[in-house]
Amino acid sequence: MGAHRDSAALRESARFLLVMPKDLVSSSYVEAGYALALGIPSVYYHQSDIRLPFMLRQAAQYSPDFPRCKEYEYQRIDDIVRDIEESGTSRCD
């Protein structure tokens, strides 16, 4: 049920935002991959000690079929909030 709801929400989304506060096994990476497959521009925020999977780090370089994806490190959640407030949706452009 949850996967069906998540995939429906992704299909209706204009952008995808991933926040990884720590290194963990998560379906978030599957959702990020699904967003790539759907062509949804994506932004990934992660702590400095987390290394995202290769495909997420370099997705936009593989093919013009992939959407624009950007990766940023953050220290505190407040940093993400401030960054989004200052840049708006331009992080995906």
N, C-alpha and C. Protein backbone atom coordinates (compact mmCIF):
# COMPACT_ATOMS: atom_id res chain seq x y z
N MET A 1 0.82 -1.19 0.00
CA MET A 1 0.00 0.00 0.00
C MET A 1 0.87 1.26 0.00
N GLY A 2 1.90 1.25 0.86
CA GLY A 2 2.78 2.40 0.95
C GLY A 2 3.54 2.65 -0.35
N ALA A 3 4.03 1.57 -0.98
CA ALA A 3 4.76 1.71 -2.24
C ALA A 3 3.86 2.26 -3.33
N HIS A 4 2.62 1.82 -3.37
CA HIS A 4 1.67 2.32 -4.36
C HIS A 4 1.42 3.82 -4.14
N ARG A 5 1.24 4.22 -2.88
CA ARG A 5 1.00 5.63 -2.56
C ARG A 5 2.23 6.47 -2.90
N ASP A 6 3.43 5.96 -2.56
CA ASP A 6 4.67 6.70 -2.85
C ASP A 6 4.88 6.87 -4.35
N SER A 7 4.66 5.80 -5.11
CA SER A 7 4.88 5.91 -6.56
C SER A 7 3.87 6.85 -7.21
N ALA A 8 2.63 6.84 -6.72
CA ALA A 8 1.62 7.77 -7.25
C ALA A 8 2.02 9.21 -6.94
N ALA A 9 2.51 9.46 -5.74
CA ALA A 9 2.94 10.82 -5.36
C ALA A 9 4.12 11.26 -6.22
N LEU A 10 5.06 10.36 -6.47
CA LEU A 10 6.20 10.71 -7.31
C LEU A 10 5.77 11.05 -8.74
N ARG A 11 4.85 10.31 -9.28
CA ARG A 11 4.39 10.58 -10.66
C ARG A 11 3.75 11.95 -10.78
N GLU A 12 3.23 12.47 -9.70
CA GLU A 12 2.58 13.79 -9.71
C GLU A 12 3.52 14.92 -9.29
N SER A 13 4.75 14.59 -8.95
CA SER A 13 5.69 15.59 -8.43
C SER A 13 6.44 16.31 -9.54
N ALA A 14 6.70 17.58 -9.30
CA ALA A 14 7.51 18.37 -10.23
C ALA A 14 8.99 18.27 -9.90
N ARG A 15 9.31 17.97 -8.63
CA ARG A 15 10.70 17.88 -8.16
C ARG A 15 10.80 16.82 -7.08
N PHE A 16 12.04 16.31 -6.89
CA PHE A 16 12.29 15.31 -5.85
C PHE A 16 13.38 15.84 -4.93
N LEU A 17 13.16 15.74 -3.63
CA LEU A 17 14.13 16.18 -2.63
C LEU A 17 14.46 15.00 -1.73
N LEU A 18 15.75 14.69 -1.62
CA LEU A 18 16.22 13.62 -0.75
C LEU A 18 17.08 14.25 0.33
N VAL A 19 16.80 13.94 1.58
CA VAL A 19 17.62 14.39 2.71
C VAL A 19 18.08 13.14 3.44
N MET A 20 19.40 12.91 3.47
CA MET A 20 19.97 11.76 4.16
C MET A 20 20.74 12.25 5.38
N PRO A 21 20.13 12.15 6.58
CA PRO A 21 20.78 12.64 7.79
C PRO A 21 21.88 11.72 8.30
N LYS A 22 21.82 10.43 7.92
CA LYS A 22 22.88 9.50 8.29
C LYS A 22 22.89 8.36 7.28
N ASP A 23 23.98 7.60 7.31
CA ASP A 23 24.14 6.50 6.38
C ASP A 23 23.26 5.35 6.84
N LEU A 24 22.25 5.02 6.04
CA LEU A 24 21.35 3.94 6.42
C LEU A 24 20.79 3.26 5.20
N VAL A 25 20.34 2.04 5.39
CA VAL A 25 19.68 1.31 4.31
C VAL A 25 18.26 1.84 4.26
N SER A 26 17.88 2.34 3.09
CA SER A 26 16.60 3.02 3.00
C SER A 26 15.98 2.86 1.63
N SER A 27 14.67 2.79 1.57
CA SER A 27 13.98 2.77 0.29
C SER A 27 14.04 4.14 -0.39
N SER A 28 14.57 5.12 0.31
CA SER A 28 14.71 6.46 -0.28
C SER A 28 15.54 6.43 -1.55
N TYR A 29 16.53 5.54 -1.59
CA TYR A 29 17.35 5.43 -2.79
C TYR A 29 16.53 4.86 -3.96
N VAL A 30 15.63 3.96 -3.67
CA VAL A 30 14.74 3.42 -4.71
C VAL A 30 13.84 4.53 -5.22
N GLU A 31 13.30 5.33 -4.31
CA GLU A 31 12.44 6.44 -4.70
C GLU A 31 13.22 7.47 -5.52
N ALA A 32 14.47 7.72 -5.16
CA ALA A 32 15.31 8.64 -5.94
C ALA A 32 15.53 8.10 -7.34
N GLY A 33 15.77 6.80 -7.45
CA GLY A 33 15.93 6.18 -8.76
C GLY A 33 14.66 6.24 -9.60
N TYR A 34 13.54 6.07 -8.95
CA TYR A 34 12.26 6.15 -9.64
C TYR A 34 12.03 7.58 -10.15
N ALA A 35 12.39 8.56 -9.33
CA ALA A 35 12.28 9.96 -9.77
C ALA A 35 13.16 10.20 -11.00
N LEU A 36 14.36 9.60 -11.02
CA LEU A 36 15.22 9.72 -12.20
C LEU A 36 14.54 9.12 -13.43
N ALA A 37 13.99 7.93 -13.25
CA ALA A 37 13.33 7.25 -14.36
C ALA A 37 12.15 8.05 -14.89
N LEU A 38 11.48 8.77 -14.00
CA LEU A 38 10.34 9.59 -14.41
C LEU A 38 10.77 10.94 -15.00
N GLY A 39 12.07 11.24 -14.92
CA GLY A 39 12.55 12.52 -15.46
C GLY A 39 12.31 13.70 -14.54
N ILE A 40 12.21 13.45 -13.25
CA ILE A 40 11.93 14.52 -12.28
C ILE A 40 13.25 15.14 -11.80
N PRO A 41 13.44 16.45 -11.98
CA PRO A 41 14.63 17.10 -11.44
C PRO A 41 14.73 16.83 -9.94
N SER A 42 15.95 16.56 -9.48
CA SER A 42 16.14 16.14 -8.10
C SER A 42 17.27 16.88 -7.41
N VAL A 43 17.14 17.02 -6.09
CA VAL A 43 18.17 17.61 -5.24
C VAL A 43 18.39 16.66 -4.08
N TYR A 44 19.67 16.37 -3.80
CA TYR A 44 20.03 15.47 -2.73
C TYR A 44 20.87 16.21 -1.69
N TYR A 45 20.41 16.23 -0.47
CA TYR A 45 21.18 16.80 0.66
C TYR A 45 21.64 15.64 1.53
N HIS A 46 22.91 15.68 1.94
CA HIS A 46 23.43 14.63 2.80
C HIS A 46 24.54 15.17 3.69
N GLN A 47 24.77 14.47 4.78
CA GLN A 47 25.86 14.82 5.68
C GLN A 47 27.19 14.53 4.97
N SER A 48 28.26 15.19 5.41
CA SER A 48 29.55 15.07 4.73
C SER A 48 30.13 13.66 4.78
N ASP A 49 29.77 12.87 5.76
CA ASP A 49 30.33 11.52 5.88
C ASP A 49 29.51 10.47 5.09
N ILE A 50 28.49 10.91 4.38
CA ILE A 50 27.66 9.99 3.59
C ILE A 50 28.06 10.09 2.13
N ARG A 51 28.25 8.94 1.53
CA ARG A 51 28.55 8.89 0.10
C ARG A 51 27.33 8.29 -0.60
N LEU A 52 26.68 9.10 -1.42
CA LEU A 52 25.51 8.63 -2.15
C LEU A 52 25.91 7.58 -3.19
N PRO A 53 24.99 6.70 -3.57
CA PRO A 53 25.29 5.75 -4.63
C PRO A 53 25.73 6.48 -5.91
N PHE A 54 26.63 5.84 -6.64
CA PHE A 54 27.23 6.45 -7.83
C PHE A 54 26.19 7.00 -8.79
N MET A 55 25.15 6.23 -9.08
CA MET A 55 24.15 6.68 -10.05
C MET A 55 23.47 7.98 -9.62
N LEU A 56 23.30 8.17 -8.33
CA LEU A 56 22.69 9.42 -7.88
C LEU A 56 23.68 10.58 -7.97
N ARG A 57 24.93 10.31 -7.66
CA ARG A 57 25.94 11.38 -7.70
C ARG A 57 26.19 11.86 -9.12
N GLN A 58 26.13 10.98 -10.08
CA GLN A 58 26.53 11.33 -11.44
C GLN A 58 25.42 11.16 -12.47
N ALA A 59 24.17 11.07 -12.02
CA ALA A 59 23.06 10.71 -12.90
C ALA A 59 22.95 11.59 -14.14
N ALA A 60 23.02 12.89 -13.98
CA ALA A 60 22.79 13.80 -15.11
C ALA A 60 23.88 13.70 -16.17
N GLN A 61 25.03 13.10 -15.82
CA GLN A 61 26.12 12.98 -16.79
C GLN A 61 25.96 11.76 -17.70
N TYR A 62 25.08 10.82 -17.33
CA TYR A 62 24.95 9.59 -18.10
C TYR A 62 24.28 9.78 -19.44
N SER A 63 23.24 10.57 -19.45
CA SER A 63 22.43 10.65 -20.66
C SER A 63 21.56 11.90 -20.62
N PRO A 64 21.27 12.47 -21.75
CA PRO A 64 20.34 13.60 -21.77
C PRO A 64 18.93 13.19 -21.34
N ASP A 65 18.69 11.87 -21.26
CA ASP A 65 17.39 11.38 -20.82
C ASP A 65 17.19 11.57 -19.32
N PHE A 66 18.28 11.67 -18.56
CA PHE A 66 18.16 11.87 -17.12
C PHE A 66 17.91 13.34 -16.81
N PRO A 67 17.12 13.61 -15.79
CA PRO A 67 16.85 15.00 -15.41
C PRO A 67 18.05 15.61 -14.69
N ARG A 68 17.97 16.87 -14.46
CA ARG A 68 19.02 17.58 -13.72
C ARG A 68 18.97 17.13 -12.26
N CYS A 69 20.12 16.76 -11.73
CA CYS A 69 20.24 16.33 -10.33
C CYS A 69 21.42 17.05 -9.71
N LYS A 70 21.22 17.53 -8.50
CA LYS A 70 22.29 18.23 -7.79
C LYS A 70 22.43 17.65 -6.39
N GLU A 71 23.66 17.66 -5.91
CA GLU A 71 24.00 17.08 -4.62
C GLU A 71 24.66 18.15 -3.74
N TYR A 72 24.23 18.22 -2.48
CA TYR A 72 24.78 19.21 -1.54
C TYR A 72 25.01 18.56 -0.18
N GLU A 73 26.09 18.96 0.45
CA GLU A 73 26.33 18.53 1.83
C GLU A 73 25.73 19.56 2.77
N TYR A 74 25.29 19.10 3.94
CA TYR A 74 24.77 20.02 4.94
C TYR A 74 25.24 19.58 6.32
N GLN A 75 25.25 20.53 7.25
CA GLN A 75 25.63 20.24 8.64
C GLN A 75 24.41 20.07 9.53
N ARG A 76 23.45 20.99 9.38
CA ARG A 76 22.24 20.98 10.20
C ARG A 76 21.02 21.15 9.31
N ILE A 77 19.89 20.67 9.77
CA ILE A 77 18.65 20.81 9.00
C ILE A 77 18.36 22.28 8.71
N ASP A 78 18.69 23.15 9.65
CA ASP A 78 18.49 24.59 9.43
C ASP A 78 19.20 25.07 8.16
N ASP A 79 20.35 24.46 7.85
CA ASP A 79 21.09 24.83 6.64
C ASP A 79 20.26 24.53 5.38
N ILE A 80 19.56 23.41 5.39
CA ILE A 80 18.72 23.04 4.25
C ILE A 80 17.55 24.00 4.11
N VAL A 81 16.91 24.28 5.23
CA VAL A 81 15.76 25.19 5.21
C VAL A 81 16.19 26.55 4.67
N ARG A 82 17.29 27.07 5.16
CA ARG A 82 17.79 28.37 4.71
C ARG A 82 18.14 28.33 3.22
N ASP A 83 18.78 27.25 2.79
CA ASP A 83 19.16 27.11 1.39
C ASP A 83 17.93 27.11 0.48
N ILE A 84 16.90 26.37 0.88
CA ILE A 84 15.68 26.31 0.06
C ILE A 84 14.97 27.66 0.06
N GLU A 85 14.92 28.32 1.21
CA GLU A 85 14.29 29.64 1.26
C GLU A 85 15.00 30.64 0.36
N GLU A 86 16.34 30.56 0.33
CA GLU A 86 17.13 31.51 -0.47
C GLU A 86 17.11 31.17 -1.96
N SER A 87 17.12 29.90 -2.30
CA SER A 87 17.23 29.54 -3.72
C SER A 87 15.90 29.14 -4.35
N GLY A 88 14.91 28.84 -3.53
CA GLY A 88 13.63 28.40 -4.09
C GLY A 88 13.80 27.15 -4.91
N THR A 89 13.17 27.12 -6.05
CA THR A 89 13.27 25.94 -6.91
C THR A 89 14.50 25.99 -7.83
N SER A 90 15.29 27.03 -7.73
CA SER A 90 16.44 27.16 -8.64
C SER A 90 17.49 26.08 -8.42
N ARG A 91 17.45 25.39 -7.30
CA ARG A 91 18.39 24.28 -7.07
C ARG A 91 18.20 23.18 -8.10
N CYS A 92 17.04 23.07 -8.65
CA CYS A 92 16.77 22.02 -9.65
C CYS A 92 16.95 22.52 -11.07
N ASP A 93 17.12 23.79 -11.26
CA ASP A 93 17.20 24.35 -12.61
C ASP A 93 18.61 24.34 -13.14
